[in-house]
Amino acid sequence: MEDEELKASGPPWWKPQPLTYVMWLLVAWCGLLGWLGLHIQITGSDAAGNGMATGLTNMVAGLALIITSVIAAAYLLVR
């Protein structure tokens, strides 16, 4: 009787689900792209335009990293 209850309860709480590995892969990929995005410097002939383009690129990369970290933390804590 106890064996049937253990089988029905699912895997142990400490064993990660396959989707957890996919989530960690997504976090690593977004982290890599965000790090690259934060270290890009746009150069050209227009100094003001270069500064604005570099700032916009850094802003988008930073926001993407923040959003990814919030979603990943929520998923990993709720699972």
C-alpha atoms as a PDB file:
ATOM      1  CA  MET A   1       0.000   0.000   0.000  1.00  0.00           C
ATOM      2  CA  GLU A   2       2.771   2.466   0.855  1.00  0.00           C
ATOM      3  CA  ASP A   3       4.649   1.696  -2.368  1.00  0.00           C
ATOM      4  CA  GLU A   4       1.635   2.708  -4.442  1.00  0.00           C
ATOM      5  CA  GLU A   5       1.395   6.026  -2.605  1.00  0.00           C
ATOM      6  CA  LEU A   6       5.089   6.757  -3.169  1.00  0.00           C
ATOM      7  CA  LYS A   7       4.814   6.047  -6.908  1.00  0.00           C
ATOM      8  CA  ALA A   8       1.750   8.272  -7.266  1.00  0.00           C
ATOM      9  CA  SER A   9       3.388  11.232  -5.520  1.00  0.00           C
ATOM     10  CA  GLY A  10       5.922  11.795  -8.325  1.00  0.00           C
ATOM     11  CA  PRO A  11       9.670  12.289  -8.291  1.00  0.00           C
ATOM     12  CA  PRO A  12      11.526  13.463  -5.175  1.00  0.00           C
ATOM     13  CA  TRP A  13      11.436  17.201  -4.442  1.00  0.00           C
ATOM     14  CA  TRP A  14      15.194  17.582  -4.977  1.00  0.00           C
ATOM     15  CA  LYS A  15      15.265  16.046  -8.462  1.00  0.00           C
ATOM     16  CA  PRO A  16      14.984  18.769 -11.143  1.00  0.00           C
ATOM     17  CA  GLN A  17      12.387  18.431 -13.864  1.00  0.00           C
ATOM     18  CA  PRO A  18      13.533  18.467 -17.529  1.00  0.00           C
ATOM     19  CA  LEU A  19      11.998  21.923 -17.991  1.00  0.00           C
ATOM     20  CA  THR A  20      14.305  23.219 -15.243  1.00  0.00           C
ATOM     21  CA  TYR A  21      17.325  22.330 -17.386  1.00  0.00           C
ATOM     22  CA  VAL A  22      15.739  24.158 -20.323  1.00  0.00           C
ATOM     23  CA  MET A  23      15.209  27.193 -18.084  1.00  0.00           C
ATOM     24  CA  TRP A  24      18.858  27.181 -16.978  1.00  0.00           C
ATOM     25  CA  LEU A  25      19.918  26.946 -20.631  1.00  0.00           C
ATOM     26  CA  LEU A  26      17.693  29.926 -21.466  1.00  0.00           C
ATOM     27  CA  VAL A  27      19.173  31.922 -18.564  1.00  0.00           C
ATOM     28  CA  ALA A  28      22.716  31.122 -19.722  1.00  0.00           C
ATOM     29  CA  TRP A  29      21.922  32.114 -23.315  1.00  0.00           C
ATOM     30  CA  CYS A  30      20.238  35.381 -22.292  1.00  0.00           C
ATOM     31  CA  GLY A  31      23.096  36.124 -19.900  1.00  0.00           C
ATOM     32  CA  LEU A  32      25.642  35.655 -22.662  1.00  0.00           C
ATOM     33  CA  LEU A  33      23.731  37.856 -25.099  1.00  0.00           C
ATOM     34  CA  GLY A  34      23.141  40.472 -22.392  1.00  0.00           C
ATOM     35  CA  TRP A  35      26.822  40.538 -21.474  1.00  0.00           C
ATOM     36  CA  LEU A  36      27.743  40.977 -25.131  1.00  0.00           C
ATOM     37  CA  GLY A  37      25.105  43.688 -25.503  1.00  0.00           C
ATOM     38  CA  LEU A  38      26.446  45.603 -22.509  1.00  0.00           C
ATOM     39  CA  HIS A  39      29.980  45.578 -23.940  1.00  0.00           C
ATOM     40  CA  ILE A  40      29.233  46.791 -27.470  1.00  0.00           C
ATOM     41  CA  GLN A  41      30.460  50.215 -28.456  1.00  0.00           C
ATOM     42  CA  ILE A  42      29.100  51.651 -31.687  1.00  0.00           C
ATOM     43  CA  THR A  43      31.602  53.767 -33.603  1.00  0.00           C
ATOM     44  CA  GLY A  44      31.312  55.922 -36.676  1.00  0.00           C
ATOM     45  CA  SER A  45      31.616  59.504 -37.833  1.00  0.00           C
ATOM     46  CA  ASP A  46      28.796  61.044 -35.748  1.00  0.00           C
ATOM     47  CA  ALA A  47      29.809  61.290 -32.083  1.00  0.00           C
ATOM     48  CA  ALA A  48      26.352  62.180 -30.738  1.00  0.00           C
ATOM     49  CA  GLY A  49      24.646  59.442 -32.734  1.00  0.00           C
ATOM     50  CA  ASN A  50      27.244  56.893 -31.611  1.00  0.00           C
ATOM     51  CA  GLY A  51      26.685  57.785 -27.969  1.00  0.00           C
ATOM     52  CA  MET A  52      22.906  57.538 -28.321  1.00  0.00           C
ATOM     53  CA  ALA A  53      23.110  54.209 -30.161  1.00  0.00           C
ATOM     54  CA  THR A  54      25.515  52.751 -27.603  1.00  0.00           C
ATOM     55  CA  GLY A  55      23.318  53.959 -24.736  1.00  0.00           C
ATOM     56  CA  LEU A  56      20.184  52.506 -26.323  1.00  0.00           C
ATOM     57  CA  THR A  57      21.935  49.170 -26.897  1.00  0.00           C
ATOM     58  CA  ASN A  58      23.088  49.081 -23.266  1.00  0.00           C
ATOM     59  CA  MET A  59      19.604  50.002 -22.046  1.00  0.00           C
ATOM     60  CA  VAL A  60      17.911  47.230 -24.042  1.00  0.00           C
ATOM     61  CA  ALA A  61      20.516  44.663 -22.941  1.00  0.00           C
ATOM     62  CA  GLY A  62      20.157  45.710 -19.298  1.00  0.00           C
ATOM     63  CA  LEU A  63      16.363  45.540 -19.384  1.00  0.00           C
ATOM     64  CA  ALA A  64      16.507  42.144 -21.070  1.00  0.00           C
ATOM     65  CA  LEU A  65      18.822  40.852 -18.333  1.00  0.00           C
ATOM     66  CA  ILE A  66      16.544  42.179 -15.600  1.00  0.00           C
ATOM     67  CA  ILE A  67      13.413  40.686 -17.165  1.00  0.00           C
ATOM     68  CA  THR A  68      15.136  37.340 -17.727  1.00  0.00           C
ATOM     69  CA  SER A  69      16.378  37.208 -14.134  1.00  0.00           C
ATOM     70  CA  VAL A  70      12.916  38.004 -12.724  1.00  0.00           C
ATOM     71  CA  ILE A  71      11.206  35.350 -14.867  1.00  0.00           C
ATOM     72  CA  ALA A  72      13.886  32.744 -14.129  1.00  0.00           C
ATOM     73  CA  ALA A  73      13.803  33.438 -10.386  1.00  0.00           C
ATOM     74  CA  ALA A  74      10.023  33.204 -10.326  1.00  0.00           C
ATOM     75  CA  TYR A  75      10.055  29.909 -12.237  1.00  0.00           C
ATOM     76  CA  LEU A  76      12.795  28.340 -10.146  1.00  0.00           C
ATOM     77  CA  LEU A  77      11.237  29.430  -6.844  1.00  0.00           C
ATOM     78  CA  VAL A  78       7.685  28.382  -7.721  1.00  0.00           C
ATOM     79  CA  ARG A  79       8.537  25.011  -9.255  1.00  0.00           C
END
